[in-house]
Amino acid sequence: MNKNSFVLGLKAGLSIAIGYFPVALTFGLLAKTSGLSIWEATAMSIFVYAGASQYMSLTLISKGVDPILIVLNTFVLNIRHFLMTAALNEKMQSEKRWIKGIYAFGITDESFSVLATRKEEKIGTAFAFGVALIAYSSWVVFTAVGHVIGANLPQFLQAAMSIALYAMFVGLLVPSMRGNRKVVMLALIAAVINGFFYWTGILSTGWSILVATLASSIFVEIIYVRHEKRKRSGGQLKGV
C-alpha cells in the first residue's frame, strides 16, 4: 500500500471526521437514553456504520420492533449504497475483490462524495482506505464518547433527549427537501401511508415504515418516469 497516498486519504477524510463529530456524539447520547449499553451502541456503529439507519433503529428498538424488521428497514434505507459503490468502482484502480470489499464497507454518502469528485482518472486503493478509515474511526469513537456523556447527564435531561431524535430526523430531511419536489413528494406520501397504517393498526411499526418507504419510492418513481416519457414524446412531436 502506498504510504503517501494513504496519508493523503486521511487528510482528505479529515473534514468528514469533523462533520461526524456532532452527529455520532448525538447518536451515542441518544443510544444511552434509549436503553442501549455502551457496548451495544458502539457495536452498532462498528458493524452497521450507517448514520440515518442507526437513528431509525433507535426508534424501532425503543418500540420493541422485531429485529428482522429492523434489519429489513435498514437494508431498504441503504439500498443506495449499491449504486454508489457500483459507480465508484469505475473510478477505482484494479484490485482484488476482497480488498475492494473491505474499503467498500467504509463508503458512506460523505466518503463517496470525497472519492467521486477526485480529478484523478483512477483512484488508488491506499487513498480510499485512508478516507474510509478516518471517517469510520471517528464515527465509532464519537459514538462511545457520546454514550459516556449521556450516562453522566441528569436523569431528566436523559429523558428529554428522546425529543432530539425526532429533531435530528427533521434536520436530515428538511435540507434535502429544499428545491427538490421529488424528495418532498417521497416524504409526504410516505408520511401519509405510514400514518394510515399507524392509526388503523393494520401493520406494526416496523412493517408500516418498511411498506411506506417502498410504496412511496415506487409510486413517485412511476410518476417521474411517466412524466419524462411525456416530455420526450412532446419534444418529438414538436420536431416533426
C-alpha atoms as a PDB file:
ATOM      1  CA  MET A   1       0.000   0.000   0.000  1.00  0.00           C
ATOM      2  CA  ASN A   2       1.317   3.436  -0.971  1.00  0.00           C
ATOM      3  CA  LYS A   3       2.009   5.255   2.313  1.00  0.00           C
ATOM      4  CA  ASN A   4       1.900   8.765   0.812  1.00  0.00           C
ATOM      5  CA  SER A   5      -1.423   8.053  -0.891  1.00  0.00           C
ATOM      6  CA  PHE A   6      -2.808   6.656   2.367  1.00  0.00           C
ATOM      7  CA  VAL A   7      -1.803   9.819   4.270  1.00  0.00           C
ATOM      8  CA  LEU A   8      -3.422  11.959   1.569  1.00  0.00           C
ATOM      9  CA  GLY A   9      -6.569   9.893   2.030  1.00  0.00           C
ATOM     10  CA  LEU A  10      -6.505  10.536   5.774  1.00  0.00           C
ATOM     11  CA  LYS A  11      -6.175  14.270   5.145  1.00  0.00           C
ATOM     12  CA  ALA A  12      -8.990  14.235   2.586  1.00  0.00           C
ATOM     13  CA  GLY A  13     -11.241  12.387   5.028  1.00  0.00           C
ATOM     14  CA  LEU A  14     -10.468  14.709   7.955  1.00  0.00           C
ATOM     15  CA  SER A  15     -13.351  17.012   7.038  1.00  0.00           C
ATOM     16  CA  ILE A  16     -15.706  14.004   7.183  1.00  0.00           C
ATOM     17  CA  ALA A  17     -14.400  13.072  10.635  1.00  0.00           C
ATOM     18  CA  ILE A  18     -15.018  16.615  11.867  1.00  0.00           C
ATOM     19  CA  GLY A  19     -18.515  16.585  10.387  1.00  0.00           C
ATOM     20  CA  TYR A  20     -19.274  13.243  12.042  1.00  0.00           C
ATOM     21  CA  PHE A  21     -18.343  14.591  15.487  1.00  0.00           C
ATOM     22  CA  PRO A  22     -21.715  16.148  16.458  1.00  0.00           C
ATOM     23  CA  VAL A  23     -23.822  13.513  14.659  1.00  0.00           C
ATOM     24  CA  ALA A  24     -22.055  10.462  16.122  1.00  0.00           C
ATOM     25  CA  LEU A  25     -21.872  12.154  19.518  1.00  0.00           C
ATOM     26  CA  THR A  26     -25.625  12.715  19.470  1.00  0.00           C
ATOM     27  CA  PHE A  27     -26.223   9.141  18.363  1.00  0.00           C
ATOM     28  CA  GLY A  28     -24.196   7.792  21.289  1.00  0.00           C
ATOM     29  CA  LEU A  29     -26.077  10.054  23.680  1.00  0.00           C
ATOM     30  CA  LEU A  30     -29.480   9.042  22.306  1.00  0.00           C
ATOM     31  CA  ALA A  31     -28.460   5.379  22.326  1.00  0.00           C
ATOM     32  CA  LYS A  32     -27.832   5.720  26.064  1.00  0.00           C
ATOM     33  CA  THR A  33     -31.212   7.352  26.670  1.00  0.00           C
ATOM     34  CA  SER A  34     -32.853   4.636  24.525  1.00  0.00           C
ATOM     35  CA  GLY A  35     -31.527   1.944  26.848  1.00  0.00           C
ATOM     36  CA  LEU A  36     -28.529   0.624  24.877  1.00  0.00           C
ATOM     37  CA  SER A  37     -25.315  -0.130  26.741  1.00  0.00           C
ATOM     38  CA  ILE A  38     -22.068   1.460  25.616  1.00  0.00           C
ATOM     39  CA  TRP A  39     -21.024  -1.870  24.090  1.00  0.00           C
ATOM     40  CA  GLU A  40     -24.287  -2.224  22.164  1.00  0.00           C
ATOM     41  CA  ALA A  41     -24.179   1.355  20.872  1.00  0.00           C
ATOM     42  CA  THR A  42     -20.527   1.108  19.862  1.00  0.00           C
ATOM     43  CA  ALA A  43     -21.071  -2.310  18.259  1.00  0.00           C
ATOM     44  CA  MET A  44     -23.870  -0.839  16.150  1.00  0.00           C
ATOM     45  CA  SER A  45     -21.507   1.849  14.865  1.00  0.00           C
ATOM     46  CA  ILE A  46     -18.792  -0.754  14.254  1.00  0.00           C
ATOM     47  CA  PHE A  47     -20.921  -3.265  12.343  1.00  0.00           C
ATOM     48  CA  VAL A  48     -23.749  -1.173  10.854  1.00  0.00           C
ATOM     49  CA  TYR A  49     -21.962   2.135  10.256  1.00  0.00           C
ATOM     50  CA  ALA A  50     -24.919   3.932   8.684  1.00  0.00           C
ATOM     51  CA  GLY A  51     -25.973   7.182  10.328  1.00  0.00           C
ATOM     52  CA  ALA A  52     -29.625   7.573   9.335  1.00  0.00           C
ATOM     53  CA  SER A  53     -30.272   3.832   9.695  1.00  0.00           C
ATOM     54  CA  GLN A  54     -28.788   3.799  13.174  1.00  0.00           C
ATOM     55  CA  TYR A  55     -31.014   6.680  14.255  1.00  0.00           C
ATOM     56  CA  MET A  56     -34.030   4.914  12.777  1.00  0.00           C
ATOM     57  CA  SER A  57     -33.037   1.719  14.578  1.00  0.00           C
ATOM     58  CA  LEU A  58     -33.095   3.515  17.929  1.00  0.00           C
ATOM     59  CA  THR A  59     -36.737   4.422  17.367  1.00  0.00           C
ATOM     60  CA  LEU A  60     -37.636   0.869  16.332  1.00  0.00           C
ATOM     61  CA  ILE A  61     -35.683  -0.690  19.206  1.00  0.00           C
ATOM     62  CA  SER A  62     -37.388   1.585  21.742  1.00  0.00           C
ATOM     63  CA  LYS A  63     -40.774   0.454  20.352  1.00  0.00           C
ATOM     64  CA  GLY A  64     -39.822  -3.226  20.653  1.00  0.00           C
ATOM     65  CA  VAL A  65     -39.953  -3.911  16.912  1.00  0.00           C
ATOM     66  CA  ASP A  66     -38.885  -7.382  15.707  1.00  0.00           C
ATOM     67  CA  PRO A  67     -35.101  -7.393  14.949  1.00  0.00           C
ATOM     68  CA  ILE A  68     -35.740  -8.895  11.493  1.00  0.00           C
ATOM     69  CA  LEU A  69     -37.900  -5.885  10.603  1.00  0.00           C
ATOM     70  CA  ILE A  70     -35.185  -3.525  11.847  1.00  0.00           C
ATOM     71  CA  VAL A  71     -32.682  -5.266   9.557  1.00  0.00           C
ATOM     72  CA  LEU A  72     -35.103  -5.082   6.598  1.00  0.00           C
ATOM     73  CA  ASN A  73     -35.757  -1.374   7.165  1.00  0.00           C
ATOM     74  CA  THR A  74     -32.023  -0.725   7.387  1.00  0.00           C
ATOM     75  CA  PHE A  75     -31.462  -2.643   4.155  1.00  0.00           C
ATOM     76  CA  VAL A  76     -34.115  -0.655   2.274  1.00  0.00           C
ATOM     77  CA  LEU A  77     -32.778   2.653   3.588  1.00  0.00           C
ATOM     78  CA  ASN A  78     -29.251   1.763   2.452  1.00  0.00           C
ATOM     79  CA  ILE A  79     -30.020   0.317  -0.999  1.00  0.00           C
ATOM     80  CA  ARG A  80     -28.488   3.476  -2.497  1.00  0.00           C
ATOM     81  CA  HIS A  81     -25.054   2.209  -1.436  1.00  0.00           C
ATOM     82  CA  PHE A  82     -25.241  -0.485  -4.122  1.00  0.00           C
ATOM     83  CA  LEU A  83     -25.472   2.263  -6.725  1.00  0.00           C
ATOM     84  CA  MET A  84     -22.786   4.415  -5.120  1.00  0.00           C
ATOM     85  CA  THR A  85     -20.225   1.630  -4.881  1.00  0.00           C
ATOM     86  CA  ALA A  86     -21.035   0.416  -8.407  1.00  0.00           C
ATOM     87  CA  ALA A  87     -20.458   3.918  -9.783  1.00  0.00           C
ATOM     88  CA  LEU A  88     -17.304   4.366  -7.707  1.00  0.00           C
ATOM     89  CA  ASN A  89     -15.899   1.034  -8.874  1.00  0.00           C
ATOM     90  CA  GLU A  90     -15.399   2.539 -12.332  1.00  0.00           C
ATOM     91  CA  LYS A  91     -13.011   5.138 -10.877  1.00  0.00           C
ATOM     92  CA  MET A  92     -11.007   2.812  -8.635  1.00  0.00           C
ATOM     93  CA  GLN A  93      -7.764   1.147  -9.644  1.00  0.00           C
ATOM     94  CA  SER A  94      -7.831  -2.604 -10.314  1.00  0.00           C
ATOM     95  CA  GLU A  95      -7.659  -4.602  -7.097  1.00  0.00           C
ATOM     96  CA  LYS A  96      -8.603  -7.958  -5.612  1.00  0.00           C
ATOM     97  CA  ARG A  97     -12.293  -8.264  -4.779  1.00  0.00           C
ATOM     98  CA  TRP A  98     -11.784  -8.946  -1.077  1.00  0.00           C
ATOM     99  CA  ILE A  99      -9.696  -5.783  -0.761  1.00  0.00           C
ATOM    100  CA  LYS A 100     -12.360  -3.752  -2.552  1.00  0.00           C
ATOM    101  CA  GLY A 101     -14.923  -5.331  -0.237  1.00  0.00           C
ATOM    102  CA  ILE A 102     -13.072  -4.007   2.808  1.00  0.00           C
ATOM    103  CA  TYR A 103     -12.958  -0.361   1.788  1.00  0.00           C
ATOM    104  CA  ALA A 104     -16.434  -0.603   0.206  1.00  0.00           C
ATOM    105  CA  PHE A 105     -17.756  -1.148   3.744  1.00  0.00           C
ATOM    106  CA  GLY A 106     -16.453   2.323   4.566  1.00  0.00           C
ATOM    107  CA  ILE A 107     -18.370   4.029   1.754  1.00  0.00           C
ATOM    108  CA  THR A 108     -20.931   6.496   3.067  1.00  0.00           C
ATOM    109  CA  ASP A 109     -22.613   9.475   1.405  1.00  0.00           C
ATOM    110  CA  GLU A 110     -19.751  11.689   2.584  1.00  0.00           C
ATOM    111  CA  SER A 111     -16.835   9.410   1.665  1.00  0.00           C
ATOM    112  CA  PHE A 112     -18.462   8.732  -1.701  1.00  0.00           C
ATOM    113  CA  SER A 113     -18.574  12.478  -2.375  1.00  0.00           C
ATOM    114  CA  VAL A 114     -14.880  12.861  -1.499  1.00  0.00           C
ATOM    115  CA  LEU A 115     -13.811   9.940  -3.712  1.00  0.00           C
ATOM    116  CA  ALA A 116     -16.185  10.567  -6.627  1.00  0.00           C
ATOM    117  CA  THR A 117     -15.091  14.190  -7.008  1.00  0.00           C
ATOM    118  CA  ARG A 118     -11.373  13.376  -7.258  1.00  0.00           C
ATOM    119  CA  LYS A 119      -9.882  14.628 -10.514  1.00  0.00           C
ATOM    120  CA  GLU A 120      -7.575  11.648 -10.987  1.00  0.00           C
ATOM    121  CA  GLU A 121      -8.546   9.228 -13.735  1.00  0.00           C
ATOM    122  CA  LYS A 122      -8.067   6.297 -11.316  1.00  0.00           C
ATOM    123  CA  ILE A 123      -8.244   6.484  -7.517  1.00  0.00           C
ATOM    124  CA  GLY A 124      -5.672   4.449  -5.612  1.00  0.00           C
ATOM    125  CA  THR A 125      -6.650   1.773  -3.102  1.00  0.00           C
ATOM    126  CA  ALA A 126      -4.450   3.330  -0.405  1.00  0.00           C
ATOM    127  CA  PHE A 127      -6.188   6.697  -0.788  1.00  0.00           C
ATOM    128  CA  ALA A 128      -9.633   5.061  -0.489  1.00  0.00           C
ATOM    129  CA  PHE A 129      -8.534   3.227   2.649  1.00  0.00           C
ATOM    130  CA  GLY A 130      -7.284   6.487   4.172  1.00  0.00           C
ATOM    131  CA  VAL A 131     -10.583   8.277   3.572  1.00  0.00           C
ATOM    132  CA  ALA A 132     -12.671   5.333   4.800  1.00  0.00           C
ATOM    133  CA  LEU A 133     -10.529   4.649   7.881  1.00  0.00           C
ATOM    134  CA  ILE A 134     -10.545   8.135   9.393  1.00  0.00           C
ATOM    135  CA  ALA A 135     -14.278   8.574   8.752  1.00  0.00           C
ATOM    136  CA  TYR A 136     -15.110   5.146  10.202  1.00  0.00           C
ATOM    137  CA  SER A 137     -12.838   5.570  13.228  1.00  0.00           C
ATOM    138  CA  SER A 138     -14.297   8.967  14.093  1.00  0.00           C
ATOM    139  CA  TRP A 139     -17.863   7.644  13.887  1.00  0.00           C
ATOM    140  CA  VAL A 140     -17.120   4.725  16.215  1.00  0.00           C
ATOM    141  CA  VAL A 141     -15.069   6.743  18.732  1.00  0.00           C
ATOM    142  CA  PHE A 142     -17.526   9.656  18.919  1.00  0.00           C
ATOM    143  CA  THR A 143     -20.403   7.199  19.409  1.00  0.00           C
ATOM    144  CA  ALA A 144     -18.690   5.825  22.504  1.00  0.00           C
ATOM    145  CA  VAL A 145     -17.852   9.327  23.754  1.00  0.00           C
ATOM    146  CA  GLY A 146     -21.473  10.411  23.272  1.00  0.00           C
ATOM    147  CA  HIS A 147     -22.690   7.424  25.277  1.00  0.00           C
ATOM    148  CA  VAL A 148     -20.317   8.246  28.139  1.00  0.00           C
ATOM    149  CA  ILE A 149     -21.535  11.860  28.149  1.00  0.00           C
ATOM    150  CA  GLY A 150     -25.139  10.670  28.114  1.00  0.00           C
ATOM    151  CA  ALA A 151     -24.512   8.377  31.061  1.00  0.00           C
ATOM    152  CA  ASN A 152     -23.371  11.370  33.120  1.00  0.00           C
ATOM    153  CA  LEU A 153     -26.318  13.606  32.314  1.00  0.00           C
ATOM    154  CA  PRO A 154     -29.039  14.118  34.933  1.00  0.00           C
ATOM    155  CA  GLN A 155     -31.959  11.707  34.538  1.00  0.00           C
ATOM    156  CA  PHE A 156     -34.439  14.417  33.484  1.00  0.00           C
ATOM    157  CA  LEU A 157     -32.099  15.527  30.685  1.00  0.00           C
ATOM    158  CA  GLN A 158     -31.672  11.933  29.515  1.00  0.00           C
ATOM    159  CA  ALA A 159     -35.443  11.608  29.258  1.00  0.00           C
ATOM    160  CA  ALA A 160     -35.740  14.922  27.406  1.00  0.00           C
ATOM    161  CA  MET A 161     -33.108  13.852  24.867  1.00  0.00           C
ATOM    162  CA  SER A 162     -35.589  11.447  23.286  1.00  0.00           C
ATOM    163  CA  ILE A 163     -37.125  14.507  21.606  1.00  0.00           C
ATOM    164  CA  ALA A 164     -33.755  15.208  19.968  1.00  0.00           C
ATOM    165  CA  LEU A 165     -34.122  12.011  17.953  1.00  0.00           C
ATOM    166  CA  TYR A 166     -37.108  13.412  16.074  1.00  0.00           C
ATOM    167  CA  ALA A 167     -35.410  16.796  15.746  1.00  0.00           C
ATOM    168  CA  MET A 168     -32.435  15.025  14.144  1.00  0.00           C
ATOM    169  CA  PHE A 169     -34.688  13.361  11.551  1.00  0.00           C
ATOM    170  CA  VAL A 170     -36.261  16.731  10.732  1.00  0.00           C
ATOM    171  CA  GLY A 171     -32.778  18.233  10.441  1.00  0.00           C
ATOM    172  CA  LEU A 172     -31.740  15.499   7.998  1.00  0.00           C
ATOM    173  CA  LEU A 173     -34.928  15.739   5.923  1.00  0.00           C
ATOM    174  CA  VAL A 174     -35.587  19.472   5.557  1.00  0.00           C
ATOM    175  CA  PRO A 175     -32.311  20.469   3.788  1.00  0.00           C
ATOM    176  CA  SER A 176     -32.796  17.741   1.163  1.00  0.00           C
ATOM    177  CA  MET A 177     -36.398  18.895   0.565  1.00  0.00           C
ATOM    178  CA  ARG A 178     -35.420  22.436  -0.423  1.00  0.00           C
ATOM    179  CA  GLY A 179     -35.907  22.913  -4.139  1.00  0.00           C
ATOM    180  CA  ASN A 180     -36.431  19.180  -4.700  1.00  0.00           C
ATOM    181  CA  ARG A 181     -40.045  18.255  -5.464  1.00  0.00           C
ATOM    182  CA  LYS A 182     -39.206  14.575  -5.693  1.00  0.00           C
ATOM    183  CA  VAL A 183     -37.941  14.428  -2.112  1.00  0.00           C
ATOM    184  CA  VAL A 184     -40.953  16.435  -0.901  1.00  0.00           C
ATOM    185  CA  MET A 185     -43.324  14.003  -2.629  1.00  0.00           C
ATOM    186  CA  LEU A 186     -41.460  10.996  -1.218  1.00  0.00           C
ATOM    187  CA  ALA A 187     -41.605  12.382   2.323  1.00  0.00           C
ATOM    188  CA  LEU A 188     -45.264  13.389   2.183  1.00  0.00           C
ATOM    189  CA  ILE A 189     -46.537  10.183   0.568  1.00  0.00           C
ATOM    190  CA  ALA A 190     -44.501   8.004   2.940  1.00  0.00           C
ATOM    191  CA  ALA A 191     -45.839  10.019   5.901  1.00  0.00           C
ATOM    192  CA  VAL A 192     -49.451   9.592   4.748  1.00  0.00           C
ATOM    193  CA  ILE A 193     -49.075   5.840   4.166  1.00  0.00           C
ATOM    194  CA  ASN A 194     -47.254   5.299   7.456  1.00  0.00           C
ATOM    195  CA  GLY A 195     -49.826   7.426   9.293  1.00  0.00           C
ATOM    196  CA  PHE A 196     -52.672   5.397   7.793  1.00  0.00           C
ATOM    197  CA  PHE A 197     -51.157   2.090   8.904  1.00  0.00           C
ATOM    198  CA  TYR A 198     -50.273   3.523  12.328  1.00  0.00           C
ATOM    199  CA  TRP A 199     -53.732   4.873  13.139  1.00  0.00           C
ATOM    200  CA  THR A 200     -55.642   1.911  11.711  1.00  0.00           C
ATOM    201  CA  GLY A 201     -53.333  -0.615  13.363  1.00  0.00           C
ATOM    202  CA  ILE A 202     -53.225  -2.744  10.198  1.00  0.00           C
ATOM    203  CA  LEU A 203     -49.456  -3.098  10.381  1.00  0.00           C
ATOM    204  CA  SER A 204     -46.944  -2.948  13.196  1.00  0.00           C
ATOM    205  CA  THR A 205     -44.477  -0.033  13.415  1.00  0.00           C
ATOM    206  CA  GLY A 206     -41.653  -1.862  11.627  1.00  0.00           C
ATOM    207  CA  TRP A 207     -43.794  -3.159   8.763  1.00  0.00           C
ATOM    208  CA  SER A 208     -45.551   0.194   8.462  1.00  0.00           C
ATOM    209  CA  ILE A 209     -42.271   2.073   7.934  1.00  0.00           C
ATOM    210  CA  LEU A 210     -40.982  -0.568   5.524  1.00  0.00           C
ATOM    211  CA  VAL A 211     -44.141  -0.629   3.383  1.00  0.00           C
ATOM    212  CA  ALA A 212     -44.462   3.181   3.428  1.00  0.00           C
ATOM    213  CA  THR A 213     -40.846   3.606   2.289  1.00  0.00           C
ATOM    214  CA  LEU A 214     -41.123   1.097  -0.558  1.00  0.00           C
ATOM    215  CA  ALA A 215     -44.596   2.173  -1.674  1.00  0.00           C
ATOM    216  CA  SER A 216     -43.760   5.887  -1.785  1.00  0.00           C
ATOM    217  CA  SER A 217     -40.494   5.216  -3.653  1.00  0.00           C
ATOM    218  CA  ILE A 218     -42.225   3.062  -6.292  1.00  0.00           C
ATOM    219  CA  PHE A 219     -45.182   5.440  -6.666  1.00  0.00           C
ATOM    220  CA  VAL A 220     -43.040   8.580  -7.071  1.00  0.00           C
ATOM    221  CA  GLU A 221     -40.671   6.813  -9.476  1.00  0.00           C
ATOM    222  CA  ILE A 222     -43.615   5.728 -11.660  1.00  0.00           C
ATOM    223  CA  ILE A 223     -44.878   9.330 -11.740  1.00  0.00           C
ATOM    224  CA  TYR A 224     -41.464  10.692 -12.753  1.00  0.00           C
ATOM    225  CA  VAL A 225     -40.875   8.002 -15.393  1.00  0.00           C
ATOM    226  CA  ARG A 226     -44.251   8.757 -16.987  1.00  0.00           C
ATOM    227  CA  HIS A 227     -43.528  12.487 -16.810  1.00  0.00           C
ATOM    228  CA  GLU A 228     -40.200  12.001 -18.614  1.00  0.00           C
ATOM    229  CA  LYS A 229     -41.908   9.887 -21.310  1.00  0.00           C
ATOM    230  CA  ARG A 230     -44.474  12.639 -21.893  1.00  0.00           C
ATOM    231  CA  LYS A 231     -41.719  15.230 -22.196  1.00  0.00           C
ATOM    232  CA  ARG A 232     -39.834  13.106 -24.722  1.00  0.00           C
ATOM    233  CA  SER A 233     -42.951  12.365 -26.779  1.00  0.00           C
ATOM    234  CA  GLY A 234     -43.881  16.054 -26.684  1.00  0.00           C
ATOM    235  CA  GLY A 235     -40.412  17.022 -27.897  1.00  0.00           C
ATOM    236  CA  GLN A 236     -40.574  14.502 -30.736  1.00  0.00           C
ATOM    237  CA  LEU A 237     -43.971  15.851 -31.881  1.00  0.00           C
ATOM    238  CA  LYS A 238     -42.589  19.399 -31.962  1.00  0.00           C
ATOM    239  CA  GLY A 239     -39.655  18.235 -34.062  1.00  0.00           C
ATOM    240  CA  VAL A 240     -41.924  16.578 -36.628  1.00  0.00           C
END
